Amino acid sequence: MKKEEFLRLLTEALEFQDIDLQTSTDLTKIESYDSMAVMAIIAFADENFSKRLTAKQLTTITRVGDLMELIGMENFTD
């Protein structure tokens, strides 16, 4: 998946309004990043990459780029 498409789909999955996600975006600094957002990321990763993430794994990351690394960088193209 292209990185731009990933960022767009992730923004939609998280229902973020007026937030332009980048790989450097710190998710923990976004007010609406909460337990529901974590669950949405888990579902998103499973649906789009067949990657099973846990809430515990997501507590170890802060940036969108960290999430991409958890999913596996081999899944992304420029």
C-alpha atoms as a PDB file:
ATOM      1  CA  MET A   1       0.000   0.000   0.000  1.00  0.00           C
ATOM      2  CA  LYS A   2       1.283   3.468  -0.779  1.00  0.00           C
ATOM      3  CA  LYS A   3       2.097   5.544   2.289  1.00  0.00           C
ATOM      4  CA  GLU A   4      -0.243   8.334   1.176  1.00  0.00           C
ATOM      5  CA  GLU A   5      -3.141   5.880   0.890  1.00  0.00           C
ATOM      6  CA  PHE A   6      -2.309   4.428   4.303  1.00  0.00           C
ATOM      7  CA  LEU A   7      -2.345   7.868   5.904  1.00  0.00           C
ATOM      8  CA  ARG A   8      -5.673   8.742   4.248  1.00  0.00           C
ATOM      9  CA  LEU A   9      -7.319   5.450   5.227  1.00  0.00           C
ATOM     10  CA  LEU A  10      -5.977   5.663   8.778  1.00  0.00           C
ATOM     11  CA  THR A  11      -7.337   9.199   9.128  1.00  0.00           C
ATOM     12  CA  GLU A  12     -10.745   7.948   7.972  1.00  0.00           C
ATOM     13  CA  ALA A  13     -10.657   4.916  10.274  1.00  0.00           C
ATOM     14  CA  LEU A  14      -9.853   7.130  13.252  1.00  0.00           C
ATOM     15  CA  GLU A  15     -12.486   9.668  12.200  1.00  0.00           C
ATOM     16  CA  PHE A  16     -10.010  12.493  12.758  1.00  0.00           C
ATOM     17  CA  GLN A  17     -11.326  15.829  11.570  1.00  0.00           C
ATOM     18  CA  ASP A  18      -8.947  18.492  10.290  1.00  0.00           C
ATOM     19  CA  ILE A  19      -5.850  16.442  11.103  1.00  0.00           C
ATOM     20  CA  ASP A  20      -3.257  15.840   8.410  1.00  0.00           C
ATOM     21  CA  LEU A  21      -1.530  12.651   9.532  1.00  0.00           C
ATOM     22  CA  GLN A  22       2.121  12.244   8.617  1.00  0.00           C
ATOM     23  CA  THR A  23       4.561   9.509   9.586  1.00  0.00           C
ATOM     24  CA  SER A  24       6.007  11.886  12.188  1.00  0.00           C
ATOM     25  CA  THR A  25       2.605  12.684  13.758  1.00  0.00           C
ATOM     26  CA  ASP A  26       2.571  11.933  17.491  1.00  0.00           C
ATOM     27  CA  LEU A  27      -0.741  10.167  18.038  1.00  0.00           C
ATOM     28  CA  THR A  28      -0.595  10.685  21.798  1.00  0.00           C
ATOM     29  CA  LYS A  29      -0.754  14.461  21.276  1.00  0.00           C
ATOM     30  CA  ILE A  30      -4.097  14.234  19.443  1.00  0.00           C
ATOM     31  CA  GLU A  31      -6.990  14.955  21.788  1.00  0.00           C
ATOM     32  CA  SER A  32      -9.294  12.373  20.191  1.00  0.00           C
ATOM     33  CA  TYR A  33      -6.678   9.584  20.404  1.00  0.00           C
ATOM     34  CA  ASP A  34      -8.249   7.396  23.063  1.00  0.00           C
ATOM     35  CA  SER A  35      -9.184   3.768  23.732  1.00  0.00           C
ATOM     36  CA  MET A  36     -11.720   3.857  20.892  1.00  0.00           C
ATOM     37  CA  ALA A  37      -8.992   5.041  18.524  1.00  0.00           C
ATOM     38  CA  VAL A  38      -6.773   2.170  19.679  1.00  0.00           C
ATOM     39  CA  MET A  39      -9.566  -0.294  18.918  1.00  0.00           C
ATOM     40  CA  ALA A  40     -10.061   1.333  15.500  1.00  0.00           C
ATOM     41  CA  ILE A  41      -6.338   0.910  14.740  1.00  0.00           C
ATOM     42  CA  ILE A  42      -6.473  -2.748  15.752  1.00  0.00           C
ATOM     43  CA  ALA A  43      -9.424  -3.332  13.406  1.00  0.00           C
ATOM     44  CA  PHE A  44      -7.783  -1.266  10.640  1.00  0.00           C
ATOM     45  CA  ALA A  45      -4.529  -3.251  10.777  1.00  0.00           C
ATOM     46  CA  ASP A  46      -6.379  -6.551  10.758  1.00  0.00           C
ATOM     47  CA  GLU A  47      -8.686  -5.577   7.892  1.00  0.00           C
ATOM     48  CA  ASN A  48      -6.079  -3.970   5.646  1.00  0.00           C
ATOM     49  CA  PHE A  49      -2.941  -5.970   6.445  1.00  0.00           C
ATOM     50  CA  SER A  50      -4.143  -9.157   8.170  1.00  0.00           C
ATOM     51  CA  LYS A  51      -1.930  -8.013  11.058  1.00  0.00           C
ATOM     52  CA  ARG A  52      -3.149  -8.683  14.566  1.00  0.00           C
ATOM     53  CA  LEU A  53      -2.080  -5.967  16.936  1.00  0.00           C
ATOM     54  CA  THR A  54      -2.845  -5.742  20.623  1.00  0.00           C
ATOM     55  CA  ALA A  55      -3.717  -2.745  22.733  1.00  0.00           C
ATOM     56  CA  LYS A  56      -0.551  -3.435  24.721  1.00  0.00           C
ATOM     57  CA  GLN A  57       1.566  -3.152  21.564  1.00  0.00           C
ATOM     58  CA  LEU A  58      -0.065   0.169  20.752  1.00  0.00           C
ATOM     59  CA  THR A  59       0.843   1.567  24.173  1.00  0.00           C
ATOM     60  CA  THR A  60       4.502   1.228  23.170  1.00  0.00           C
ATOM     61  CA  ILE A  61       4.226   3.558  20.167  1.00  0.00           C
ATOM     62  CA  THR A  62       3.672   7.267  19.772  1.00  0.00           C
ATOM     63  CA  ARG A  63       4.181   8.168  16.096  1.00  0.00           C
ATOM     64  CA  VAL A  64       2.315   7.017  12.997  1.00  0.00           C
ATOM     65  CA  GLY A  65       5.681   5.792  11.705  1.00  0.00           C
ATOM     66  CA  ASP A  66       5.944   3.526  14.751  1.00  0.00           C
ATOM     67  CA  LEU A  67       2.570   2.043  13.824  1.00  0.00           C
ATOM     68  CA  MET A  68       3.810   1.421  10.300  1.00  0.00           C
ATOM     69  CA  GLU A  69       6.824  -0.420  11.724  1.00  0.00           C
ATOM     70  CA  LEU A  70       4.534  -2.587  13.855  1.00  0.00           C
ATOM     71  CA  ILE A  71       2.478  -3.441  10.790  1.00  0.00           C
ATOM     72  CA  GLY A  72       5.646  -4.110   8.806  1.00  0.00           C
ATOM     73  CA  MET A  73       7.430  -1.655   6.520  1.00  0.00           C
ATOM     74  CA  GLU A  74       7.428  -4.246   3.733  1.00  0.00           C
ATOM     75  CA  ASN A  75       3.704  -3.482   3.349  1.00  0.00           C
ATOM     76  CA  PHE A  76       4.362   0.120   2.281  1.00  0.00           C
ATOM     77  CA  THR A  77       5.634   1.772  -0.869  1.00  0.00           C
ATOM     78  CA  ASP A  78       6.435   5.394  -1.629  1.00  0.00           C
END
